[in-house]
C-alpha atoms as a PDB file:
ATOM      1  CA  MET A   1     166.071 275.718   1.580  1.00  0.00           C
ATOM      2  CA  THR A   2     166.875 271.820   1.194  1.00  0.00           C
ATOM      3  CA  ALA A   3     164.567 269.003   1.148  1.00  0.00           C
ATOM      4  CA  ALA A   4     164.544 268.282   5.063  1.00  0.00           C
ATOM      5  CA  THR A   5     164.580 271.937   5.887  1.00  0.00           C
ATOM      6  CA  SER A   6     161.011 272.025   3.894  1.00  0.00           C
ATOM      7  CA  ASP A   7     160.024 269.165   5.934  1.00  0.00           C
ATOM      8  CA  ILE A   8     160.066 270.473   8.825  1.00  0.00           C
ATOM      9  CA  SER A   9     158.701 273.674   7.668  1.00  0.00           C
ATOM     10  CA  ALA A  10     156.000 271.412   6.256  1.00  0.00           C
ATOM     11  CA  GLY A  11     155.709 269.120   9.563  1.00  0.00           C
ATOM     12  CA  LYS A  12     155.043 273.385  11.956  1.00  0.00           C
ATOM     13  CA  ALA A  13     153.211 274.613   8.999  1.00  0.00           C
ATOM     14  CA  ALA A  14     150.527 271.699   9.309  1.00  0.00           C
ATOM     15  CA  TRP A  15     150.648 270.656  13.162  1.00  0.00           C
ATOM     16  CA  ALA A  16     148.012 273.450  14.082  1.00  0.00           C
ATOM     17  CA  PRO A  17     145.174 273.037  12.020  1.00  0.00           C
ATOM     18  CA  SER A  18     146.007 269.454  13.129  1.00  0.00           C
ATOM     19  CA  ALA A  19     145.866 269.633  16.806  1.00  0.00           C
ATOM     20  CA  ALA A  20     142.530 269.403  17.760  1.00  0.00           C
ATOM     21  CA  ARG A  21     142.342 266.112  15.862  1.00  0.00           C
ATOM     22  CA  VAL A  22     145.528 263.904  17.614  1.00  0.00           C
ATOM     23  CA  ARG A  23     143.804 262.941  20.733  1.00  0.00           C
ATOM     24  CA  THR A  24     144.825 259.241  20.667  1.00  0.00           C
ATOM     25  CA  TYR A  25     147.242 257.453  18.870  1.00  0.00           C
ATOM     26  CA  ASP A  26     145.073 256.131  16.072  1.00  0.00           C
ATOM     27  CA  ASN A  27     144.137 260.005  15.354  1.00  0.00           C
ATOM     28  CA  LEU A  28     147.838 260.299  15.112  1.00  0.00           C
ATOM     29  CA  VAL A  29     148.643 257.317  13.319  1.00  0.00           C
ATOM     30  CA  ALA A  30     145.041 258.870  10.910  1.00  0.00           C
ATOM     31  CA  CYS A  31     146.333 262.198  10.652  1.00  0.00           C
ATOM     32  CA  VAL A  32     149.736 260.828   9.360  1.00  0.00           C
ATOM     33  CA  ARG A  33     148.216 259.071   6.974  1.00  0.00           C
ATOM     34  CA  ALA A  34     146.607 262.096   5.159  1.00  0.00           C
ATOM     35  CA  GLY A  35     149.226 263.944   5.113  1.00  0.00           C
ATOM     36  CA  GLU A  36     148.147 266.496   7.735  1.00  0.00           C
ATOM     37  CA  LEU A  37     151.178 266.374   9.781  1.00  0.00           C
ATOM     38  CA  GLY A  38     153.558 267.303   6.697  1.00  0.00           C
ATOM     39  CA  PRO A  39     154.978 265.570   3.808  1.00  0.00           C
ATOM     40  CA  ASP A  40     152.854 262.480   2.497  1.00  0.00           C
ATOM     41  CA  PRO A  41     154.134 259.161   3.866  1.00  0.00           C
ATOM     42  CA  ARG A  42     154.150 257.709   0.971  1.00  0.00           C
ATOM     43  CA  THR A  43     157.156 259.871  -0.340  1.00  0.00           C
ATOM     44  CA  ARG A  44     159.107 259.175   2.241  1.00  0.00           C
ATOM     45  CA  ARG A  45     161.227 256.352   2.090  1.00  0.00           C
ATOM     46  CA  ILE A  46     162.903 254.073   4.356  1.00  0.00           C
ATOM     47  CA  ALA A  47     166.694 253.813   4.052  1.00  0.00           C
ATOM     48  CA  VAL A  48     168.376 252.064   7.165  1.00  0.00           C
ATOM     49  CA  ALA A  49     166.921 249.467   9.580  1.00  0.00           C
ATOM     50  CA  PHE A  50     169.316 247.965  12.487  1.00  0.00           C
ATOM     51  CA  THR A  51     168.148 246.335  15.860  1.00  0.00           C
ATOM     52  CA  THR A  52     170.223 247.080  18.524  1.00  0.00           C
ATOM     53  CA  ARG A  53     171.153 244.445  21.339  1.00  0.00           C
ATOM     54  CA  GLN A  54     172.028 245.066  24.620  1.00  0.00           C
ATOM     55  CA  ALA A  55     172.309 242.241  27.989  1.00  0.00           C
ATOM     56  CA  VAL A  56     173.430 244.413  31.150  1.00  0.00           C
ATOM     57  CA  ARG A  57     174.238 243.664  34.652  1.00  0.00           C
ATOM     58  CA  HIS A  58     175.016 246.736  36.639  1.00  0.00           C
ATOM     59  CA  ASP A  59     177.727 246.811  39.073  1.00  0.00           C
ATOM     60  CA  GLY A  60     176.451 246.035  42.556  1.00  0.00           C
ATOM     61  CA  ARG A  61     173.060 245.478  41.147  1.00  0.00           C
ATOM     62  CA  GLY A  62     171.827 241.779  41.690  1.00  0.00           C
ATOM     63  CA  THR A  63     169.774 241.056  38.867  1.00  0.00           C
ATOM     64  CA  GLY A  64     170.188 241.858  35.010  1.00  0.00           C
ATOM     65  CA  TYR A  65     168.300 242.296  31.857  1.00  0.00           C
ATOM     66  CA  ARG A  66     168.070 241.931  28.195  1.00  0.00           C
ATOM     67  CA  ASN A  67     166.685 244.792  25.824  1.00  0.00           C
ATOM     68  CA  GLU A  68     166.074 244.762  21.738  1.00  0.00           C
ATOM     69  CA  VAL A  69     165.245 247.625  19.615  1.00  0.00           C
ATOM     70  CA  LEU A  70     164.318 248.014  16.004  1.00  0.00           C
ATOM     71  CA  SER A  71     165.298 251.429  14.287  1.00  0.00           C
ATOM     72  CA  LEU A  72     164.520 252.704  11.288  1.00  0.00           C
ATOM     73  CA  ARG A  73     165.832 255.410   9.721  1.00  0.00           C
ATOM     74  CA  LEU A  74     164.508 258.143   7.756  1.00  0.00           C
ATOM     75  CA  ALA A  75     167.019 260.776   6.445  1.00  0.00           C
ATOM     76  CA  GLY A  76     168.656 262.225   9.438  1.00  0.00           C
ATOM     77  CA  ALA A  77     165.698 261.019  11.021  1.00  0.00           C
ATOM     78  CA  VAL A  78     166.305 258.053  13.384  1.00  0.00           C
ATOM     79  CA  GLY A  79     162.583 256.191  15.293  1.00  0.00           C
ATOM     80  CA  SER A  80     163.078 253.300  17.870  1.00  0.00           C
ATOM     81  CA  CYS A  81     160.330 250.363  18.901  1.00  0.00           C
ATOM     82  CA  ALA A  82     161.647 248.348  21.647  1.00  0.00           C
ATOM     83  CA  VAL A  83     160.859 244.834  20.696  1.00  0.00           C
ATOM     84  CA  GLU A  84     160.754 241.135  22.853  1.00  0.00           C
ATOM     85  CA  PRO A  85     164.192 239.951  22.622  1.00  0.00           C
ATOM     86  CA  GLY A  86     164.093 237.321  19.645  1.00  0.00           C
ATOM     87  CA  ALA A  87     160.559 237.987  18.726  1.00  0.00           C
ATOM     88  CA  LEU A  88     161.858 240.063  15.000  1.00  0.00           C
ATOM     89  CA  SER A  89     162.940 238.323  12.313  1.00  0.00           C
ATOM     90  CA  ASP A  90     165.859 240.062  10.030  1.00  0.00           C
ATOM     91  CA  SER A  91     163.537 239.033   6.998  1.00  0.00           C
ATOM     92  CA  ALA A  92     160.954 241.305   9.049  1.00  0.00           C
ATOM     93  CA  VAL A  93     164.301 244.371   9.491  1.00  0.00           C
ATOM     94  CA  GLU A  94     164.753 243.423   5.896  1.00  0.00           C
ATOM     95  CA  GLU A  95     161.020 244.341   4.425  1.00  0.00           C
ATOM     96  CA  CYS A  96     161.226 247.639   5.748  1.00  0.00           C
ATOM     97  CA  VAL A  97     164.689 248.563   3.934  1.00  0.00           C
ATOM     98  CA  GLY A  98     163.475 250.744   0.481  1.00  0.00           C
ATOM     99  CA  ALA A  99     160.084 250.919   2.008  1.00  0.00           C
ATOM    100  CA  ASP A 100     158.098 253.888   2.067  1.00  0.00           C
ATOM    101  CA  VAL A 101     156.480 255.325   5.796  1.00  0.00           C
ATOM    102  CA  ALA A 102     153.005 254.688   4.316  1.00  0.00           C
ATOM    103  CA  GLU A 103     153.733 250.947   3.661  1.00  0.00           C
ATOM    104  CA  LEU A 104     154.598 250.325   7.105  1.00  0.00           C
ATOM    105  CA  LEU A 105     152.087 252.212   8.866  1.00  0.00           C
ATOM    106  CA  ASP A 106     150.293 249.368   7.408  1.00  0.00           C
ATOM    107  CA  HIS A 107     152.728 246.429   8.568  1.00  0.00           C
ATOM    108  CA  PRO A 108     151.612 243.084  10.035  1.00  0.00           C
ATOM    109  CA  LEU A 109     154.018 243.995  13.089  1.00  0.00           C
ATOM    110  CA  LEU A 110     153.036 246.561  15.514  1.00  0.00           C
ATOM    111  CA  PRO A 111     156.325 247.440  16.471  1.00  0.00           C
ATOM    112  CA  VAL A 112     157.298 247.896  12.745  1.00  0.00           C
ATOM    113  CA  ARG A 113     154.662 250.500  12.623  1.00  0.00           C
ATOM    114  CA  VAL A 114     155.433 251.972  15.645  1.00  0.00           C
ATOM    115  CA  ALA A 115     159.345 252.297  14.272  1.00  0.00           C
ATOM    116  CA  ALA A 116     158.147 254.425  11.071  1.00  0.00           C
ATOM    117  CA  LEU A 117     155.725 256.509  12.785  1.00  0.00           C
ATOM    118  CA  ASP A 118     158.191 257.990  15.172  1.00  0.00           C
ATOM    119  CA  ALA A 119     161.303 257.842  11.937  1.00  0.00           C
ATOM    120  CA  TYR A 120     158.431 260.138  10.400  1.00  0.00           C
ATOM    121  CA  LEU A 121     157.274 262.597  13.448  1.00  0.00           C
ATOM    122  CA  MET A 122     161.012 262.763  14.489  1.00  0.00           C
ATOM    123  CA  HIS A 123     161.939 263.769  10.934  1.00  0.00           C
ATOM    124  CA  VAL A 124     159.133 266.701  10.649  1.00  0.00           C
ATOM    125  CA  THR A 125     159.194 267.463  14.407  1.00  0.00           C
ATOM    126  CA  PRO A 126     162.288 266.660  15.956  1.00  0.00           C
ATOM    127  CA  HIS A 127     162.894 267.642  19.508  1.00  0.00           C
ATOM    128  CA  THR A 128     163.442 271.180  19.216  1.00  0.00           C
ATOM    129  CA  PRO A 129     162.744 273.702  21.511  1.00  0.00           C
ATOM    130  CA  GLU A 130     160.509 275.181  18.807  1.00  0.00           C
ATOM    131  CA  HIS A 131     158.424 271.926  19.402  1.00  0.00           C
ATOM    132  CA  GLY A 132     158.385 271.985  23.491  1.00  0.00           C
ATOM    133  CA  ALA A 133     161.182 269.901  23.706  1.00  0.00           C
ATOM    134  CA  ARG A 134     163.765 270.953  26.933  1.00  0.00           C
ATOM    135  CA  PRO A 135     166.706 269.542  26.718  1.00  0.00           C
ATOM    136  CA  VAL A 136     168.376 267.697  30.201  1.00  0.00           C
ATOM    137  CA  PRO A 137     172.373 266.487  29.934  1.00  0.00           C
ATOM    138  CA  LEU A 138     173.154 263.329  30.946  1.00  0.00           C
ATOM    139  CA  PRO A 139     176.811 262.789  32.379  1.00  0.00           C
ATOM    140  CA  ALA A 140     178.774 261.277  30.892  1.00  0.00           C
ATOM    141  CA  GLY A 141     179.768 258.084  33.260  1.00  0.00           C
ATOM    142  CA  THR A 142     179.302 254.219  33.866  1.00  0.00           C
ATOM    143  CA  SER A 143     176.181 252.525  32.447  1.00  0.00           C
ATOM    144  CA  LEU A 144     175.478 252.760  36.319  1.00  0.00           C
ATOM    145  CA  GLU A 145     175.201 256.192  36.630  1.00  0.00           C
ATOM    146  CA  LYS A 146     174.311 257.029  33.527  1.00  0.00           C
ATOM    147  CA  SER A 147     170.590 254.528  33.999  1.00  0.00           C
ATOM    148  CA  ARG A 148     170.469 257.037  38.064  1.00  0.00           C
ATOM    149  CA  ALA A 149     170.673 260.207  36.164  1.00  0.00           C
ATOM    150  CA  ARG A 150     168.436 259.254  33.111  1.00  0.00           C
ATOM    151  CA  ALA A 151     165.882 258.493  36.154  1.00  0.00           C
ATOM    152  CA  ARG A 152     166.556 260.971  38.023  1.00  0.00           C
ATOM    153  CA  ALA A 153     165.006 263.139  34.603  1.00  0.00           C
ATOM    154  CA  VAL A 154     162.273 260.845  34.304  1.00  0.00           C
ATOM    155  CA  VAL A 155     161.325 261.203  37.698  1.00  0.00           C
ATOM    156  CA  GLU A 156     161.894 264.930  38.546  1.00  0.00           C
ATOM    157  CA  LEU A 157     158.684 265.257  35.892  1.00  0.00           C
ATOM    158  CA  LEU A 158     155.852 263.201  38.400  1.00  0.00           C
ATOM    159  CA  ASP A 159     155.422 266.486  40.341  1.00  0.00           C
ATOM    160  CA  LEU A 160     154.282 263.780  43.411  1.00  0.00           C
ATOM    161  CA  PRO A 161     154.895 264.809  47.618  1.00  0.00           C
ATOM    162  CA  PRO A 162     155.796 262.311  49.196  1.00  0.00           C
ATOM    163  CA  GLY A 163     153.544 258.807  50.649  1.00  0.00           C
ATOM    164  CA  ALA A 164     151.705 259.511  46.996  1.00  0.00           C
ATOM    165  CA  THR A 165     152.145 256.463  45.556  1.00  0.00           C
ATOM    166  CA  VAL A 166     152.277 255.623  41.075  1.00  0.00           C
ATOM    167  CA  LEU A 167     152.507 252.508  39.356  1.00  0.00           C
ATOM    168  CA  VAL A 168     155.576 252.103  37.317  1.00  0.00           C
ATOM    169  CA  VAL A 169     154.752 250.263  34.183  1.00  0.00           C
ATOM    170  CA  GLY A 170     157.965 248.706  32.825  1.00  0.00           C
ATOM    171  CA  VAL A 171     160.300 247.607  35.326  1.00  0.00           C
ATOM    172  CA  VAL A 172     163.516 249.958  35.821  1.00  0.00           C
ATOM    173  CA  ASN A 173     165.254 249.008  38.802  1.00  0.00           C
ATOM    174  CA  SER A 174     167.384 252.723  38.761  1.00  0.00           C
ATOM    175  CA  LEU A 175     163.489 254.776  38.691  1.00  0.00           C
ATOM    176  CA  LEU A 176     162.092 252.166  41.505  1.00  0.00           C
ATOM    177  CA  GLU A 177     165.581 253.458  43.197  1.00  0.00           C
ATOM    178  CA  ALA A 178     164.376 257.645  42.603  1.00  0.00           C
ATOM    179  CA  LEU A 179     161.307 256.803  43.787  1.00  0.00           C
ATOM    180  CA  ARG A 180     162.767 255.709  47.090  1.00  0.00           C
ATOM    181  CA  SER A 181     164.812 258.645  47.467  1.00  0.00           C
ATOM    182  CA  HIS A 182     162.190 260.689  47.130  1.00  0.00           C
ATOM    183  CA  GLY A 183     159.690 258.960  49.695  1.00  0.00           C
ATOM    184  CA  ILE A 184     157.973 258.302  46.804  1.00  0.00           C
ATOM    185  CA  GLY A 185     155.800 254.446  47.327  1.00  0.00           C
ATOM    186  CA  TYR A 186     155.258 252.570  44.356  1.00  0.00           C
ATOM    187  CA  VAL A 187     153.993 249.235  42.547  1.00  0.00           C
ATOM    188  CA  PRO A 188     155.774 248.078  39.458  1.00  0.00           C
ATOM    189  CA  CYS A 189     154.317 246.411  37.077  1.00  0.00           C
ATOM    190  CA  ASP A 190     155.973 244.360  33.672  1.00  0.00           C
ATOM    191  CA  LEU A 191     154.357 241.713  31.416  1.00  0.00           C
ATOM    192  CA  LYS A 192     157.032 239.518  32.360  1.00  0.00           C
ATOM    193  CA  GLY A 193     156.290 239.030  36.060  1.00  0.00           C
ATOM    194  CA  GLY A 194     158.920 238.821  38.912  1.00  0.00           C
ATOM    195  CA  VAL A 195     160.635 240.465  41.081  1.00  0.00           C
ATOM    196  CA  THR A 196     162.765 243.926  41.779  1.00  0.00           C
ATOM    197  CA  GLU A 197     166.045 244.396  43.379  1.00  0.00           C
ATOM    198  CA  TRP A 198     164.748 244.586  46.648  1.00  0.00           C
ATOM    199  CA  ASP A 199     162.395 241.200  46.005  1.00  0.00           C
ATOM    200  CA  GLU A 200     159.031 242.956  45.656  1.00  0.00           C
ATOM    201  CA  PRO A 201     156.193 241.350  43.682  1.00  0.00           C
ATOM    202  CA  VAL A 202     155.755 243.221  39.930  1.00  0.00           C
ATOM    203  CA  VAL A 203     152.556 242.500  39.166  1.00  0.00           C
ATOM    204  CA  THR A 204     151.731 242.267  35.142  1.00  0.00           C
ATOM    205  CA  ASP A 205     148.212 243.556  35.422  1.00  0.00           C
ATOM    206  CA  ALA A 206     148.339 247.428  34.861  1.00  0.00           C
ATOM    207  CA  LEU A 207     145.123 248.942  34.590  1.00  0.00           C
ATOM    208  CA  ALA A 208     144.392 246.617  37.929  1.00  0.00           C
ATOM    209  CA  ALA A 209     146.868 247.945  39.588  1.00  0.00           C
ATOM    210  CA  ALA A 210     146.602 251.868  38.039  1.00  0.00           C
ATOM    211  CA  ALA A 211     143.017 251.867  40.700  1.00  0.00           C
ATOM    212  CA  ARG A 212     145.011 251.882  43.530  1.00  0.00           C
ATOM    213  CA  CYS A 213     147.872 254.352  42.602  1.00  0.00           C
ATOM    214  CA  ASP A 214     147.939 257.997  42.312  1.00  0.00           C
ATOM    215  CA  ALA A 215     149.573 258.462  38.776  1.00  0.00           C
ATOM    216  CA  LEU A 216     151.458 256.288  36.439  1.00  0.00           C
ATOM    217  CA  LEU A 217     154.844 256.496  35.027  1.00  0.00           C
ATOM    218  CA  VAL A 218     154.578 254.305  32.136  1.00  0.00           C
ATOM    219  CA  SER A 219     157.625 253.201  29.446  1.00  0.00           C
ATOM    220  CA  GLY A 220     157.229 254.262  26.244  1.00  0.00           C
ATOM    221  CA  MET A 221     157.679 250.171  25.348  1.00  0.00           C
ATOM    222  CA  THR A 222     153.754 250.516  25.611  1.00  0.00           C
ATOM    223  CA  LEU A 223     153.303 251.400  22.846  1.00  0.00           C
ATOM    224  CA  GLY A 224     155.245 248.234  21.024  1.00  0.00           C
ATOM    225  CA  ASN A 225     153.082 245.728  22.948  1.00  0.00           C
ATOM    226  CA  GLY A 226     149.542 247.552  22.562  1.00  0.00           C
ATOM    227  CA  THR A 227     149.296 248.336  26.054  1.00  0.00           C
ATOM    228  CA  PHE A 228     149.051 252.405  26.238  1.00  0.00           C
ATOM    229  CA  GLU A 229     145.704 253.693  25.463  1.00  0.00           C
ATOM    230  CA  PRO A 230     144.117 251.860  28.218  1.00  0.00           C
ATOM    231  CA  LEU A 231     146.563 253.606  30.277  1.00  0.00           C
ATOM    232  CA  ARG A 232     146.109 257.397  29.098  1.00  0.00           C
ATOM    233  CA  GLU A 233     142.562 256.516  28.912  1.00  0.00           C
ATOM    234  CA  HIS A 234     142.564 255.861  32.578  1.00  0.00           C
ATOM    235  CA  ALA A 235     144.440 259.016  33.278  1.00  0.00           C
ATOM    236  CA  LEU A 236     142.284 261.157  31.950  1.00  0.00           C
ATOM    237  CA  ARG A 237     139.571 259.404  33.036  1.00  0.00           C
ATOM    238  CA  HIS A 238     140.296 259.631  36.538  1.00  0.00           C
ATOM    239  CA  GLY A 239     142.681 262.900  35.991  1.00  0.00           C
ATOM    240  CA  LYS A 240     145.160 261.033  37.300  1.00  0.00           C
ATOM    241  CA  ARG A 241     149.094 262.521  36.059  1.00  0.00           C
ATOM    242  CA  LEU A 242     150.509 259.984  32.938  1.00  0.00           C
ATOM    243  CA  VAL A 243     154.145 260.623  32.794  1.00  0.00           C
ATOM    244  CA  LEU A 244     155.736 258.723  30.052  1.00  0.00           C
ATOM    245  CA  PHE A 245     159.990 257.198  29.204  1.00  0.00           C
ATOM    246  CA  ALA A 246     160.292 256.643  25.691  1.00  0.00           C
ATOM    247  CA  GLN A 247     163.181 254.964  23.900  1.00  0.00           C
ATOM    248  CA  THR A 248     160.198 253.778  22.163  1.00  0.00           C
ATOM    249  CA  GLY A 249     158.488 256.778  20.544  1.00  0.00           C
ATOM    250  CA  SER A 250     160.461 259.419  21.425  1.00  0.00           C
ATOM    251  CA  ALA A 251     158.693 261.482  18.858  1.00  0.00           C
ATOM    252  CA  VAL A 252     155.399 260.259  19.309  1.00  0.00           C
ATOM    253  CA  LEU A 253     153.751 260.120  22.943  1.00  0.00           C
ATOM    254  CA  PRO A 254     154.884 264.244  23.085  1.00  0.00           C
ATOM    255  CA  ARG A 255     152.505 264.513  20.384  1.00  0.00           C
ATOM    256  CA  LEU A 256     149.130 263.624  23.065  1.00  0.00           C
ATOM    257  CA  LEU A 257     150.286 266.363  25.544  1.00  0.00           C
ATOM    258  CA  GLY A 258     146.841 267.855  26.954  1.00  0.00           C
ATOM    259  CA  HIS A 259     145.128 264.225  26.269  1.00  0.00           C
ATOM    260  CA  GLY A 260     145.895 262.386  28.784  1.00  0.00           C
ATOM    261  CA  VAL A 261     149.425 262.135  29.174  1.00  0.00           C
ATOM    262  CA  SER A 262     151.064 264.867  31.293  1.00  0.00           C
ATOM    263  CA  ALA A 263     154.958 265.014  30.732  1.00  0.00           C
ATOM    264  CA  VAL A 264     157.615 263.220  28.822  1.00  0.00           C
ATOM    265  CA  CYS A 265     160.906 262.101  28.666  1.00  0.00           C
ATOM    266  CA  ALA A 266     161.841 261.485  25.165  1.00  0.00           C
ATOM    267  CA  GLU A 267     164.939 260.413  24.774  1.00  0.00           C
ATOM    268  CA  PRO A 268     165.548 259.248  21.337  1.00  0.00           C
ATOM    269  CA  TYR A 269     168.751 256.671  19.494  1.00  0.00           C
ATOM    270  CA  PRO A 270     171.230 256.737  20.551  1.00  0.00           C
ATOM    271  CA  PHE A 271     170.652 255.580  23.898  1.00  0.00           C
ATOM    272  CA  PHE A 272     171.866 256.269  27.309  1.00  0.00           C
ATOM    273  CA  TRP A 273     173.172 252.896  27.804  1.00  0.00           C
ATOM    274  CA  LEU A 274     175.219 252.579  24.235  1.00  0.00           C
ATOM    275  CA  ASP A 275     178.313 254.441  25.055  1.00  0.00           C
ATOM    276  CA  GLY A 276     180.286 256.170  28.312  1.00  0.00           C
ATOM    277  CA  GLY A 277     180.409 259.837  26.969  1.00  0.00           C
ATOM    278  CA  PRO A 278     177.385 262.507  27.303  1.00  0.00           C
ATOM    279  CA  GLY A 279     173.783 262.739  26.358  1.00  0.00           C
ATOM    280  CA  THR A 280     170.618 264.229  26.356  1.00  0.00           C
ATOM    281  CA  VAL A 281     167.145 263.541  27.011  1.00  0.00           C
ATOM    282  CA  HIS A 282     164.178 266.046  26.597  1.00  0.00           C
ATOM    283  CA  HIS A 283     161.246 267.064  28.855  1.00  0.00           C
ATOM    284  CA  TYR A 284     157.716 267.357  27.061  1.00  0.00           C
ATOM    285  CA  ARG A 285     155.356 268.970  29.805  1.00  0.00           C
ATOM    286  CA  ALA A 286     151.606 269.439  29.630  1.00  0.00           C
ATOM    287  CA  ASP A 287     151.561 272.526  31.700  1.00  0.00           C
ATOM    288  CA  ARG A 288     154.208 274.086  30.446  1.00  0.00           C
ATOM    289  CA  PRO A 289     154.126 276.936  27.398  1.00  0.00           C
ATOM    290  CA  GLY A 290     154.773 275.114  24.458  1.00  0.00           C
ATOM    291  CA  GLY A 291     154.727 271.845  26.240  1.00  0.00           C
ATOM    292  CA  ALA A 292     150.973 270.818  24.751  1.00  0.00           C
ATOM    293  CA  ARG A 293     150.121 271.414  21.487  1.00  0.00           C
END
């Protein structure tokens, strides 16, 4: 048995008795620290740390955007967390190399802590059917074609009738376009504010806007800026559907299925915007066998 296989087996064996404890993000971190979900995180070191930066304006779109993502490699797994462009210093990236996961779970920067947790969970519970994932292929194509394909895969998880209204936290124009095509209303929300491609105002207070929405469609980036837990608690308290599209924390958020999280479209590194070839995202649903832990 290889070391990687041993770690994955340990993760599977350890998951069942810990499932009842994993109800919040902090619970999940505590379980990882204690070695309850797999090998002792003090024994697993990050071999590679890197950032991926992009600027994009799709053909036919009037606006563009920038992304920056911190990624940490643990054995064959890569964990990621988006950061504000330019916010992460080179020294912060270098500090991650050779550090063990337990050290990085105590790092002063939240994105580093999230990326380390994601790498660990990707290592012990990868996106496979035995861990509740259903692969959804993304076809090859232009950046806009792939963005739209990803958006369709995300919106499929909402299960909302036409006329419903969803809060979209983390504005992605292709997602808004897909919602419009389904006759679903939305309230776009992003900490940066501004307007959408269709000149709709973007609100900045997610919880205030959530009160007037039927469901929540939320970016995994909320893990990295500390706004995820209040949204999860709102969905749980009010019985609303919470669907996450996750490049940040793609292996983290499925662990919270059934505890406010209804479904996750998980997209580990490398992301759809990195090349024109085919790709895969992974669906997790709390309402299907194997989807909740």
